[in-house]
């Protein structure tokens, strides 16, 4: 009878060992699959982050170029306004000078009168010189 019980114990032990081995093997397979999936997901995430980083860099460069363009346009407009204001100031001064010249400029009649008087004066001086000889 001991032999029959020993066989049953060894049979049960074999079943238990087989079951534990199957469970351990299954767990090991599941863990390996999960670790593989995690590694694949990490690679996907790294690739996605690299792609997004490139996209961010590209967008940053594009925005930076636009800002530089708008800054240059603003500076050009600011410089143009400053140049235009300085030019307008010079034009105003020149207009004032021209107005003053026009107001104080002798007329044609006045110039003829001055020329006639100068001719008379020269004639008198020449007459005096001729008499003095």
Protein backbone atom coordinates (compact mmCIF):
# COMPACT_ATOMS: atom_id res chain seq x y z
CA UNK A 1 0.00 0.00 0.00
CA UNK A 2 2.85 2.35 0.57
CA UNK A 3 3.84 1.87 -2.99
CA UNK A 4 0.45 3.02 -4.22
CA UNK A 5 0.52 6.09 -2.03
CA UNK A 6 4.06 6.93 -3.12
CA UNK A 7 2.98 6.73 -6.68
CA UNK A 8 0.07 9.06 -6.04
CA UNK A 9 2.35 11.53 -4.21
CA UNK A 10 4.87 11.41 -6.99
CA UNK A 11 2.07 11.79 -9.52
CA UNK A 12 0.63 14.78 -7.67
CA UNK A 13 4.12 16.24 -7.26
CA UNK A 14 4.68 15.81 -10.99
CA UNK A 15 1.38 17.50 -11.78
CA UNK A 16 2.19 20.36 -9.39
CA UNK A 17 5.70 20.75 -10.82
CA UNK A 18 4.35 20.65 -14.37
CA UNK A 19 1.65 23.20 -13.51
CA UNK A 20 4.16 25.51 -11.80
CA UNK A 21 6.53 25.15 -14.75
CA UNK A 22 3.75 25.92 -17.22
CA UNK A 23 2.65 28.93 -15.13
CA UNK A 24 6.25 30.15 -14.78
CA UNK A 25 6.85 29.70 -18.51
CA UNK A 26 3.63 31.51 -19.36
CA UNK A 27 4.46 34.35 -16.98
CA UNK A 28 7.95 34.56 -18.43
CA UNK A 29 6.51 34.76 -21.96
CA UNK A 30 3.99 37.42 -20.93
CA UNK A 31 6.69 39.51 -19.20
CA UNK A 32 9.02 39.23 -22.20
CA UNK A 33 6.21 40.30 -24.51
CA UNK A 34 5.38 43.23 -22.26
CA UNK A 35 9.04 44.28 -22.02
CA UNK A 36 9.31 44.06 -25.82
CA UNK A 37 6.16 46.17 -26.17
CA UNK A 38 7.54 48.72 -23.71
CA UNK A 39 10.82 48.91 -25.65
CA UNK A 40 8.91 49.35 -28.92
CA UNK A 41 6.71 52.06 -27.35
CA UNK A 42 9.82 53.82 -26.04
CA UNK A 43 11.30 53.77 -29.54
CA UNK A 44 8.04 55.14 -30.98
CA UNK A 45 7.96 57.87 -28.31
CA UNK A 46 11.65 58.76 -28.95
CA UNK A 47 11.02 58.95 -32.70
CA UNK A 48 7.90 61.06 -32.13
CA UNK A 49 9.79 63.39 -29.80
CA UNK A 50 12.62 63.74 -32.32
CA UNK A 51 10.11 64.54 -35.08
CA UNK A 52 8.32 67.06 -32.86
CA UNK A 53 11.63 68.60 -31.86
CA UNK A 54 12.48 69.08 -35.52
CA UNK A 55 9.00 70.56 -36.10
CA UNK A 56 9.46 72.95 -33.17
CA UNK A 57 12.90 73.99 -34.44
CA UNK A 58 11.51 74.54 -37.93
CA UNK A 59 8.60 76.60 -36.60
CA UNK A 60 10.96 78.58 -34.38
CA UNK A 61 13.20 79.39 -37.34
CA UNK A 62 10.20 80.37 -39.47
CA UNK A 63 8.78 82.61 -36.73
CA UNK A 64 12.23 84.10 -36.09
CA UNK A 65 12.60 84.92 -39.81
CA UNK A 66 9.16 86.53 -39.83
CA UNK A 67 10.03 88.59 -36.75
CA UNK A 68 13.29 89.72 -38.32
CA UNK A 69 11.43 90.68 -41.51
CA UNK A 70 8.81 92.64 -39.59
CA UNK A 71 11.55 94.29 -37.50
CA UNK A 72 13.34 95.33 -40.68
CA UNK A 73 10.10 96.65 -42.16
CA UNK A 74 9.41 98.58 -38.96
CA UNK A 75 12.96 99.99 -38.89
CA UNK A 76 12.65 100.96 -42.55
CA UNK A 77 9.33 102.71 -41.84
CA UNK A 78 10.78 104.41 -38.77
CA UNK A 79 13.87 105.53 -40.68
CA UNK A 80 11.69 106.73 -43.57
CA UNK A 81 9.51 108.73 -41.21
CA UNK A 82 12.59 110.27 -39.57
CA UNK A 83 14.11 111.05 -43.00
CA UNK A 84 10.82 112.47 -44.22
CA UNK A 85 10.50 114.69 -41.11
CA UNK A 86 14.08 115.99 -41.53
CA UNK A 87 13.48 116.62 -45.22
CA UNK A 88 10.22 118.44 -44.50
CA UNK A 89 12.03 120.61 -41.94
CA UNK A 90 14.70 121.52 -44.52
CA UNK A 91 12.01 122.26 -47.10
CA UNK A 92 10.22 124.55 -44.63
CA UNK A 93 13.46 126.45 -43.94
CA UNK A 94 14.16 126.77 -47.68
CA UNK A 95 10.60 128.00 -48.30
CA UNK A 96 11.03 130.63 -45.57
CA UNK A 97 14.32 131.77 -47.12
CA UNK A 98 12.78 131.90 -50.58
CA UNK A 99 9.84 133.88 -49.25
CA UNK A 100 12.19 136.34 -47.56
CA UNK A 101 14.28 136.68 -50.74
CA UNK A 102 11.15 137.28 -52.81
CA UNK A 103 9.92 139.92 -50.35
CA UNK A 104 13.22 141.80 -50.29
CA UNK A 105 14.14 141.33 -53.96
CA UNK A 106 14.06 144.53 -55.96
CA UNK A 107 11.69 144.76 -58.86
CA UNK A 108 12.82 145.20 -62.44
CA UNK A 109 11.93 148.86 -62.30
CA UNK A 110 14.00 149.34 -59.16
CA UNK A 111 16.96 147.60 -60.77
CA UNK A 112 16.69 149.83 -63.88
CA UNK A 113 16.53 152.87 -61.66
CA UNK A 114 19.66 151.76 -59.78
CA UNK A 115 21.44 151.00 -63.07
CA UNK A 116 20.48 154.44 -64.46
CA UNK A 117 21.70 156.16 -61.29
CA UNK A 118 24.93 154.15 -61.48
CA UNK A 119 25.37 155.26 -65.13
CA UNK A 120 24.79 158.88 -64.14
CA UNK A 121 27.29 158.60 -61.26
CA UNK A 122 29.89 157.01 -63.55
CA UNK A 123 29.31 159.70 -66.16
CA UNK A 124 29.79 162.45 -63.55
CA UNK A 125 32.98 160.83 -62.26
CA UNK A 126 34.34 160.51 -65.81
CA UNK A 127 33.46 164.16 -66.50
CA UNK A 128 35.29 165.24 -63.38
CA UNK A 129 38.31 163.18 -64.36
CA UNK A 130 38.30 164.71 -67.84
CA UNK A 131 38.10 168.22 -66.36
CA UNK A 132 40.83 167.47 -63.90
CA UNK A 133 43.30 166.59 -66.62
